[in-house]
Full PDB file with SEQRES, HELIX, SHEET, SSBOND, CRYST1, ORIGX, SCALE, CONECT and MASTER records, all heavy atoms in Angstrom:
SEQRES   1 A   32  ALA ALA GLY LEU GLY LEU VAL ILE ALA VAL GLN PHE GLY          
SEQRES   2 A   32  LEU VAL THR CYS MET GLY VAL ALA ASN PRO VAL ILE ALA          
SEQRES   3 A   32  THR TYR ARG LEU ASP ARG                                      
HELIX    1 AA1 ALA A    2  ASP A   31  1                                  30    
CRYST1    1.000    1.000    1.000  90.00  90.00  90.00 P 1           1          
ORIGX1      1.000000  0.000000  0.000000        0.00000                         
ORIGX2      0.000000  1.000000  0.000000        0.00000                         
ORIGX3      0.000000  0.000000  1.000000        0.00000                         
SCALE1      1.000000  0.000000  0.000000        0.00000                         
SCALE2      0.000000  1.000000  0.000000        0.00000                         
SCALE3      0.000000  0.000000  1.000000        0.00000                         
ATOM      1  N   ALA A   1     -23.677  -0.213   3.832  1.00  0.00           N  
ATOM      2  CA  ALA A   1     -22.647  -1.243   4.040  1.00  0.00           C  
ATOM      3  C   ALA A   1     -21.883  -1.469   2.758  1.00  0.00           C  
ATOM      4  O   ALA A   1     -20.629  -1.745   2.826  1.00  0.00           O  
ATOM      5  CB  ALA A   1     -23.316  -2.528   4.491  1.00  0.00           C  
ATOM      6  N   ALA A   2     -22.502  -1.325   1.637  1.00  0.00           N  
ATOM      7  CA  ALA A   2     -21.858  -1.551   0.350  1.00  0.00           C  
ATOM      8  C   ALA A   2     -20.724  -0.525   0.108  1.00  0.00           C  
ATOM      9  O   ALA A   2     -19.572  -0.725  -0.287  1.00  0.00           O  
ATOM     10  CB  ALA A   2     -22.741  -1.477  -0.816  1.00  0.00           C  
ATOM     11  N   GLY A   3     -21.089   0.779   0.523  1.00  0.00           N  
ATOM     12  CA  GLY A   3     -20.134   1.891   0.280  1.00  0.00           C  
ATOM     13  C   GLY A   3     -18.992   1.662   1.255  1.00  0.00           C  
ATOM     14  O   GLY A   3     -17.786   1.931   0.876  1.00  0.00           O  
ATOM     15  N   LEU A   4     -19.260   1.331   2.522  1.00  0.00           N  
ATOM     16  CA  LEU A   4     -18.174   1.099   3.533  1.00  0.00           C  
ATOM     17  C   LEU A   4     -17.296  -0.055   3.011  1.00  0.00           C  
ATOM     18  O   LEU A   4     -16.034   0.056   3.139  1.00  0.00           O  
ATOM     19  CB  LEU A   4     -18.827   0.851   4.880  1.00  0.00           C  
ATOM     20  CG  LEU A   4     -17.842   0.651   6.063  1.00  0.00           C  
ATOM     21  CD1 LEU A   4     -17.046   1.871   6.297  1.00  0.00           C  
ATOM     22  CD2 LEU A   4     -18.541   0.222   7.300  1.00  0.00           C  
ATOM     23  N   GLY A   5     -17.903  -1.074   2.536  1.00  0.00           N  
ATOM     24  CA  GLY A   5     -17.137  -2.196   2.061  1.00  0.00           C  
ATOM     25  C   GLY A   5     -16.208  -1.841   0.970  1.00  0.00           C  
ATOM     26  O   GLY A   5     -15.124  -2.329   0.799  1.00  0.00           O  
ATOM     27  N   LEU A   6     -16.710  -1.003   0.033  1.00  0.00           N  
ATOM     28  CA  LEU A   6     -15.972  -0.508  -1.093  1.00  0.00           C  
ATOM     29  C   LEU A   6     -14.679   0.274  -0.624  1.00  0.00           C  
ATOM     30  O   LEU A   6     -13.548   0.027  -1.112  1.00  0.00           O  
ATOM     31  CB  LEU A   6     -16.677   0.364  -2.016  1.00  0.00           C  
ATOM     32  CG  LEU A   6     -16.049   1.016  -3.197  1.00  0.00           C  
ATOM     33  CD1 LEU A   6     -15.452   0.038  -4.097  1.00  0.00           C  
ATOM     34  CD2 LEU A   6     -16.871   1.947  -3.978  1.00  0.00           C  
ATOM     35  N   VAL A   7     -14.857   1.144   0.304  1.00  0.00           N  
ATOM     36  CA  VAL A   7     -13.726   1.910   0.875  1.00  0.00           C  
ATOM     37  C   VAL A   7     -12.733   0.975   1.498  1.00  0.00           C  
ATOM     38  O   VAL A   7     -11.485   1.127   1.200  1.00  0.00           O  
ATOM     39  CB  VAL A   7     -14.236   3.001   1.828  1.00  0.00           C  
ATOM     40  CG1 VAL A   7     -12.992   3.743   2.393  1.00  0.00           C  
ATOM     41  CG2 VAL A   7     -15.136   4.054   1.168  1.00  0.00           C  
ATOM     42  N   ILE A   8     -13.133   0.067   2.299  1.00  0.00           N  
ATOM     43  CA  ILE A   8     -12.169  -0.841   2.960  1.00  0.00           C  
ATOM     44  C   ILE A   8     -11.442  -1.673   1.908  1.00  0.00           C  
ATOM     45  O   ILE A   8     -10.226  -1.870   2.048  1.00  0.00           O  
ATOM     46  CB  ILE A   8     -12.978  -1.771   3.952  1.00  0.00           C  
ATOM     47  CG1 ILE A   8     -13.496  -0.919   5.097  1.00  0.00           C  
ATOM     48  CG2 ILE A   8     -12.098  -2.905   4.441  1.00  0.00           C  
ATOM     49  CD1 ILE A   8     -14.368  -1.693   6.125  1.00  0.00           C  
ATOM     50  N   ALA A   9     -12.152  -2.153   0.964  1.00  0.00           N  
ATOM     51  CA  ALA A   9     -11.489  -2.982  -0.139  1.00  0.00           C  
ATOM     52  C   ALA A   9     -10.443  -2.191  -0.884  1.00  0.00           C  
ATOM     53  O   ALA A   9      -9.339  -2.614  -1.107  1.00  0.00           O  
ATOM     54  CB  ALA A   9     -12.556  -3.600  -1.097  1.00  0.00           C  
ATOM     55  N   VAL A  10     -10.801  -0.952  -1.250  1.00  0.00           N  
ATOM     56  CA  VAL A  10      -9.930  -0.106  -1.966  1.00  0.00           C  
ATOM     57  C   VAL A  10      -8.696   0.226  -1.146  1.00  0.00           C  
ATOM     58  O   VAL A  10      -7.478   0.092  -1.609  1.00  0.00           O  
ATOM     59  CB  VAL A  10     -10.610   1.127  -2.513  1.00  0.00           C  
ATOM     60  CG1 VAL A  10      -9.633   2.165  -3.012  1.00  0.00           C  
ATOM     61  CG2 VAL A  10     -11.645   0.812  -3.538  1.00  0.00           C  
ATOM     62  N   GLN A  11      -8.968   0.656   0.104  1.00  0.00           N  
ATOM     63  CA  GLN A  11      -7.822   1.010   0.999  1.00  0.00           C  
ATOM     64  C   GLN A  11      -7.001  -0.216   1.307  1.00  0.00           C  
ATOM     65  O   GLN A  11      -5.758   0.002   1.404  1.00  0.00           O  
ATOM     66  CB  GLN A  11      -8.385   1.588   2.317  1.00  0.00           C  
ATOM     67  CG  GLN A  11      -8.954   2.994   2.148  1.00  0.00           C  
ATOM     68  CD  GLN A  11      -7.832   4.067   1.684  1.00  0.00           C  
ATOM     69  OE1 GLN A  11      -7.907   4.593   0.705  1.00  0.00           O  
ATOM     70  NE2 GLN A  11      -6.937   4.141   2.594  1.00  0.00           N  
ATOM     71  N   PHE A  12      -7.549  -1.365   1.407  1.00  0.00           N  
ATOM     72  CA  PHE A  12      -6.764  -2.591   1.653  1.00  0.00           C  
ATOM     73  C   PHE A  12      -5.803  -2.831   0.451  1.00  0.00           C  
ATOM     74  O   PHE A  12      -4.521  -3.129   0.712  1.00  0.00           O  
ATOM     75  CB  PHE A  12      -7.655  -3.805   1.830  1.00  0.00           C  
ATOM     76  CG  PHE A  12      -6.855  -5.065   2.112  1.00  0.00           C  
ATOM     77  CD1 PHE A  12      -6.434  -5.296   3.410  1.00  0.00           C  
ATOM     78  CD2 PHE A  12      -6.500  -5.958   1.137  1.00  0.00           C  
ATOM     79  CE1 PHE A  12      -5.735  -6.485   3.736  1.00  0.00           C  
ATOM     80  CE2 PHE A  12      -5.905  -7.086   1.427  1.00  0.00           C  
ATOM     81  CZ  PHE A  12      -5.498  -7.415   2.704  1.00  0.00           C  
ATOM     82  N   GLY A  13      -6.298  -2.753  -0.662  1.00  0.00           N  
ATOM     83  CA  GLY A  13      -5.424  -2.976  -1.897  1.00  0.00           C  
ATOM     84  C   GLY A  13      -4.299  -1.982  -1.986  1.00  0.00           C  
ATOM     85  O   GLY A  13      -3.139  -2.231  -2.176  1.00  0.00           O  
ATOM     86  N   LEU A  14      -4.621  -0.667  -1.705  1.00  0.00           N  
ATOM     87  CA  LEU A  14      -3.605   0.422  -1.703  1.00  0.00           C  
ATOM     88  C   LEU A  14      -2.582   0.230  -0.678  1.00  0.00           C  
ATOM     89  O   LEU A  14      -1.372   0.311  -0.906  1.00  0.00           O  
ATOM     90  CB  LEU A  14      -4.303   1.772  -1.517  1.00  0.00           C  
ATOM     91  CG  LEU A  14      -3.453   2.945  -1.332  1.00  0.00           C  
ATOM     92  CD1 LEU A  14      -2.608   3.253  -2.562  1.00  0.00           C  
ATOM     93  CD2 LEU A  14      -4.295   4.214  -1.051  1.00  0.00           C  
ATOM     94  N   VAL A  15      -2.989  -0.013   0.512  1.00  0.00           N  
ATOM     95  CA  VAL A  15      -2.065  -0.145   1.687  1.00  0.00           C  
ATOM     96  C   VAL A  15      -1.176  -1.352   1.510  1.00  0.00           C  
ATOM     97  O   VAL A  15      -0.007  -1.313   1.879  1.00  0.00           O  
ATOM     98  CB  VAL A  15      -2.795  -0.184   2.959  1.00  0.00           C  
ATOM     99  CG1 VAL A  15      -1.977  -0.571   4.094  1.00  0.00           C  
ATOM    100  CG2 VAL A  15      -3.473   1.200   3.272  1.00  0.00           C  
ATOM    101  N   THR A  16      -1.681  -2.444   1.011  1.00  0.00           N  
ATOM    102  CA  THR A  16      -0.932  -3.629   0.762  1.00  0.00           C  
ATOM    103  C   THR A  16       0.279  -3.318  -0.220  1.00  0.00           C  
ATOM    104  O   THR A  16       1.379  -3.686   0.045  1.00  0.00           O  
ATOM    105  CB  THR A  16      -1.730  -4.823   0.225  1.00  0.00           C  
ATOM    106  OG1 THR A  16      -2.760  -5.055   1.199  1.00  0.00           O  
ATOM    107  CG2 THR A  16      -0.928  -6.080   0.049  1.00  0.00           C  
ATOM    108  N   CYS A  17      -0.113  -2.665  -1.303  1.00  0.00           N  
ATOM    109  CA  CYS A  17       0.919  -2.351  -2.331  1.00  0.00           C  
ATOM    110  C   CYS A  17       1.845  -1.373  -1.734  1.00  0.00           C  
ATOM    111  O   CYS A  17       3.117  -1.505  -2.013  1.00  0.00           O  
ATOM    112  CB  CYS A  17       0.218  -1.717  -3.540  1.00  0.00           C  
ATOM    113  SG  CYS A  17      -0.841  -2.838  -4.459  1.00  0.00           S  
ATOM    114  N   MET A  18       1.480  -0.436  -0.895  1.00  0.00           N  
ATOM    115  CA  MET A  18       2.386   0.482  -0.272  1.00  0.00           C  
ATOM    116  C   MET A  18       3.273  -0.209   0.702  1.00  0.00           C  
ATOM    117  O   MET A  18       4.525   0.034   0.831  1.00  0.00           O  
ATOM    118  CB  MET A  18       1.670   1.571   0.330  1.00  0.00           C  
ATOM    119  CG  MET A  18       0.974   2.558  -0.631  1.00  0.00           C  
ATOM    120  SD  MET A  18       0.144   3.957   0.177  1.00  0.00           S  
ATOM    121  CE  MET A  18       1.633   4.969   0.667  1.00  0.00           C  
ATOM    122  N   GLY A  19       2.707  -1.206   1.439  1.00  0.00           N  
ATOM    123  CA  GLY A  19       3.472  -2.040   2.368  1.00  0.00           C  
ATOM    124  C   GLY A  19       4.690  -2.723   1.658  1.00  0.00           C  
ATOM    125  O   GLY A  19       5.758  -2.925   2.250  1.00  0.00           O  
ATOM    126  N   VAL A  20       4.454  -3.169   0.449  1.00  0.00           N  
ATOM    127  CA  VAL A  20       5.534  -3.797  -0.385  1.00  0.00           C  
ATOM    128  C   VAL A  20       6.494  -2.695  -0.956  1.00  0.00           C  
ATOM    129  O   VAL A  20       7.677  -2.830  -0.785  1.00  0.00           O  
ATOM    130  CB  VAL A  20       4.976  -4.603  -1.544  1.00  0.00           C  
ATOM    131  CG1 VAL A  20       6.132  -5.166  -2.367  1.00  0.00           C  
ATOM    132  CG2 VAL A  20       4.088  -5.716  -1.028  1.00  0.00           C  
ATOM    133  N   ALA A  21       5.994  -1.646  -1.410  1.00  0.00           N  
ATOM    134  CA  ALA A  21       6.785  -0.671  -2.165  1.00  0.00           C  
ATOM    135  C   ALA A  21       7.674   0.125  -1.237  1.00  0.00           C  
ATOM    136  O   ALA A  21       8.794   0.411  -1.524  1.00  0.00           O  
ATOM    137  CB  ALA A  21       5.831   0.204  -3.040  1.00  0.00           C  
ATOM    138  N   ASN A  22       7.107   0.572  -0.113  1.00  0.00           N  
ATOM    139  CA  ASN A  22       7.814   1.612   0.763  1.00  0.00           C  
ATOM    140  C   ASN A  22       9.199   1.044   1.257  1.00  0.00           C  
ATOM    141  O   ASN A  22      10.196   1.671   1.059  1.00  0.00           O  
ATOM    142  CB  ASN A  22       6.974   1.969   1.903  1.00  0.00           C  
ATOM    143  CG  ASN A  22       5.828   2.917   1.500  1.00  0.00           C  
ATOM    144  OD1 ASN A  22       5.816   3.317   0.357  1.00  0.00           O  
ATOM    145  ND2 ASN A  22       4.876   3.135   2.443  1.00  0.00           N  
ATOM    146  N   PRO A  23       9.320  -0.254   1.821  1.00  0.00           N  
ATOM    147  CA  PRO A  23      10.681  -0.748   2.206  1.00  0.00           C  
ATOM    148  C   PRO A  23      11.575  -0.889   1.030  1.00  0.00           C  
ATOM    149  O   PRO A  23      12.791  -0.699   1.191  1.00  0.00           O  
ATOM    150  CB  PRO A  23      10.404  -1.866   3.000  1.00  0.00           C  
ATOM    151  CG  PRO A  23       8.989  -2.340   2.577  1.00  0.00           C  
ATOM    152  CD  PRO A  23       8.266  -1.108   2.252  1.00  0.00           C  
ATOM    153  N   VAL A  24      11.025  -1.278  -0.108  1.00  0.00           N  
ATOM    154  CA  VAL A  24      11.832  -1.504  -1.245  1.00  0.00           C  
ATOM    155  C   VAL A  24      12.478  -0.187  -1.743  1.00  0.00           C  
ATOM    156  O   VAL A  24      13.584  -0.084  -2.062  1.00  0.00           O  
ATOM    157  CB  VAL A  24      11.117  -2.192  -2.479  1.00  0.00           C  
ATOM    158  CG1 VAL A  24      11.967  -2.368  -3.656  1.00  0.00           C  
ATOM    159  CG2 VAL A  24      10.633  -3.640  -1.944  1.00  0.00           C  
ATOM    160  N   ILE A  25      11.601   0.884  -1.778  1.00  0.00           N  
ATOM    161  CA  ILE A  25      12.027   2.198  -2.142  1.00  0.00           C  
ATOM    162  C   ILE A  25      13.150   2.686  -1.216  1.00  0.00           C  
ATOM    163  O   ILE A  25      14.153   3.318  -1.638  1.00  0.00           O  
ATOM    164  CB  ILE A  25      10.855   3.090  -2.265  1.00  0.00           C  
ATOM    165  CG1 ILE A  25       9.941   2.750  -3.508  1.00  0.00           C  
ATOM    166  CG2 ILE A  25      11.295   4.591  -2.444  1.00  0.00           C  
ATOM    167  CD1 ILE A  25       8.716   3.524  -3.565  1.00  0.00           C  
ATOM    168  N   ALA A  26      12.867   2.535   0.080  1.00  0.00           N  
ATOM    169  CA  ALA A  26      13.791   2.999   1.094  1.00  0.00           C  
ATOM    170  C   ALA A  26      15.108   2.392   0.980  1.00  0.00           C  
ATOM    171  O   ALA A  26      16.170   3.002   1.110  1.00  0.00           O  
ATOM    172  CB  ALA A  26      13.246   2.817   2.500  1.00  0.00           C  
ATOM    173  N   THR A  27      15.171   1.129   0.683  1.00  0.00           N  
ATOM    174  CA  THR A  27      16.309   0.276   0.506  1.00  0.00           C  
ATOM    175  C   THR A  27      17.095   0.722  -0.813  1.00  0.00           C  
ATOM    176  O   THR A  27      18.308   0.874  -0.812  1.00  0.00           O  
ATOM    177  CB  THR A  27      16.073  -1.143   0.504  1.00  0.00           C  
ATOM    178  OG1 THR A  27      15.434  -1.530   1.734  1.00  0.00           O  
ATOM    179  CG2 THR A  27      17.369  -1.971   0.459  1.00  0.00           C  
ATOM    180  N   TYR A  28      16.315   0.810  -1.849  1.00  0.00           N  
ATOM    181  CA  TYR A  28      16.804   1.297  -3.078  1.00  0.00           C  
ATOM    182  C   TYR A  28      17.495   2.637  -3.004  1.00  0.00           C  
ATOM    183  O   TYR A  28      18.638   2.834  -3.528  1.00  0.00           O  
ATOM    184  CB  TYR A  28      15.656   1.337  -4.035  1.00  0.00           C  
ATOM    185  CG  TYR A  28      15.876   1.393  -5.570  1.00  0.00           C  
ATOM    186  CD1 TYR A  28      15.895   0.393  -6.388  1.00  0.00           C  
ATOM    187  CD2 TYR A  28      16.100   2.654  -6.206  1.00  0.00           C  
ATOM    188  CE1 TYR A  28      16.150   0.396  -7.709  1.00  0.00           C  
ATOM    189  CE2 TYR A  28      16.363   2.772  -7.535  1.00  0.00           C  
ATOM    190  CZ  TYR A  28      16.393   1.717  -8.338  1.00  0.00           C  
ATOM    191  OH  TYR A  28      16.547   1.740  -9.688  1.00  0.00           O  
ATOM    192  N   ARG A  29      16.832   3.543  -2.290  1.00  0.00           N  
ATOM    193  CA  ARG A  29      17.431   4.856  -2.076  1.00  0.00           C  
ATOM    194  C   ARG A  29      18.739   4.809  -1.373  1.00  0.00           C  
ATOM    195  O   ARG A  29      19.728   5.501  -1.690  1.00  0.00           O  
ATOM    196  CB  ARG A  29      16.389   5.686  -1.359  1.00  0.00           C  
ATOM    197  CG  ARG A  29      16.647   7.195  -1.320  1.00  0.00           C  
ATOM    198  CD  ARG A  29      15.433   7.890  -0.700  1.00  0.00           C  
ATOM    199  NE  ARG A  29      15.126   7.200   0.621  1.00  0.00           N  
ATOM    200  CZ  ARG A  29      13.919   7.464   1.196  1.00  0.00           C  
ATOM    201  NH1 ARG A  29      12.933   8.057   0.630  1.00  0.00           N  
ATOM    202  NH2 ARG A  29      13.730   6.923   2.382  1.00  0.00           N  
ATOM    203  N   LEU A  30      18.791   4.123  -0.282  1.00  0.00           N  
ATOM    204  CA  LEU A  30      20.001   4.028   0.516  1.00  0.00           C  
ATOM    205  C   LEU A  30      21.126   3.331  -0.259  1.00  0.00           C  
ATOM    206  O   LEU A  30      22.315   3.759  -0.210  1.00  0.00           O  
ATOM    207  CB  LEU A  30      19.741   3.160   1.760  1.00  0.00           C  
ATOM    208  CG  LEU A  30      18.970   3.905   2.908  1.00  0.00           C  
ATOM    209  CD1 LEU A  30      18.694   2.938   4.095  1.00  0.00           C  
ATOM    210  CD2 LEU A  30      19.745   5.133   3.411  1.00  0.00           C  
ATOM    211  N   ASP A  31      20.881   2.327  -0.989  1.00  0.00           N  
ATOM    212  CA  ASP A  31      21.749   1.579  -1.725  1.00  0.00           C  
ATOM    213  C   ASP A  31      22.497   2.462  -2.832  1.00  0.00           C  
ATOM    214  O   ASP A  31      23.657   2.238  -3.117  1.00  0.00           O  
ATOM    215  CB  ASP A  31      21.076   0.352  -2.418  1.00  0.00           C  
ATOM    216  CG  ASP A  31      22.163  -0.497  -3.128  1.00  0.00           C  
ATOM    217  OD1 ASP A  31      23.117  -0.974  -2.423  1.00  0.00           O  
ATOM    218  OD2 ASP A  31      21.891  -0.827  -4.329  1.00  0.00           O  
ATOM    219  N   ARG A  32      21.786   3.448  -3.335  1.00  0.00           N  
ATOM    220  CA  ARG A  32      22.310   4.219  -4.435  1.00  0.00           C  
ATOM    221  C   ARG A  32      22.776   5.662  -3.957  1.00  0.00           C  
ATOM    222  O   ARG A  32      22.889   6.496  -4.713  1.00  0.00           O  
ATOM    223  CB  ARG A  32      21.219   4.444  -5.496  1.00  0.00           C  
ATOM    224  CG  ARG A  32      21.133   3.134  -6.401  1.00  0.00           C  
ATOM    225  CD  ARG A  32      19.764   2.938  -6.997  1.00  0.00           C  
ATOM    226  NE  ARG A  32      19.807   1.699  -7.786  1.00  0.00           N  
ATOM    227  CZ  ARG A  32      19.742   0.533  -7.248  1.00  0.00           C  
ATOM    228  NH1 ARG A  32      19.596   0.379  -5.977  1.00  0.00           N  
ATOM    229  NH2 ARG A  32      19.762  -0.572  -8.001  1.00  0.00           N  
TER     230      ARG A  32                                                      
MASTER        0    0    0    1    0    0    0    6  229    1    0    3          
END                                                                             
């Protein structure tokens, strides 16, 4: 369970950051 929890926590952090970054990057790219 500890290993599974670590993967979930790490992936949650990664995916949250990507959820913020991806639309900002897409908009930044179109704007320029």
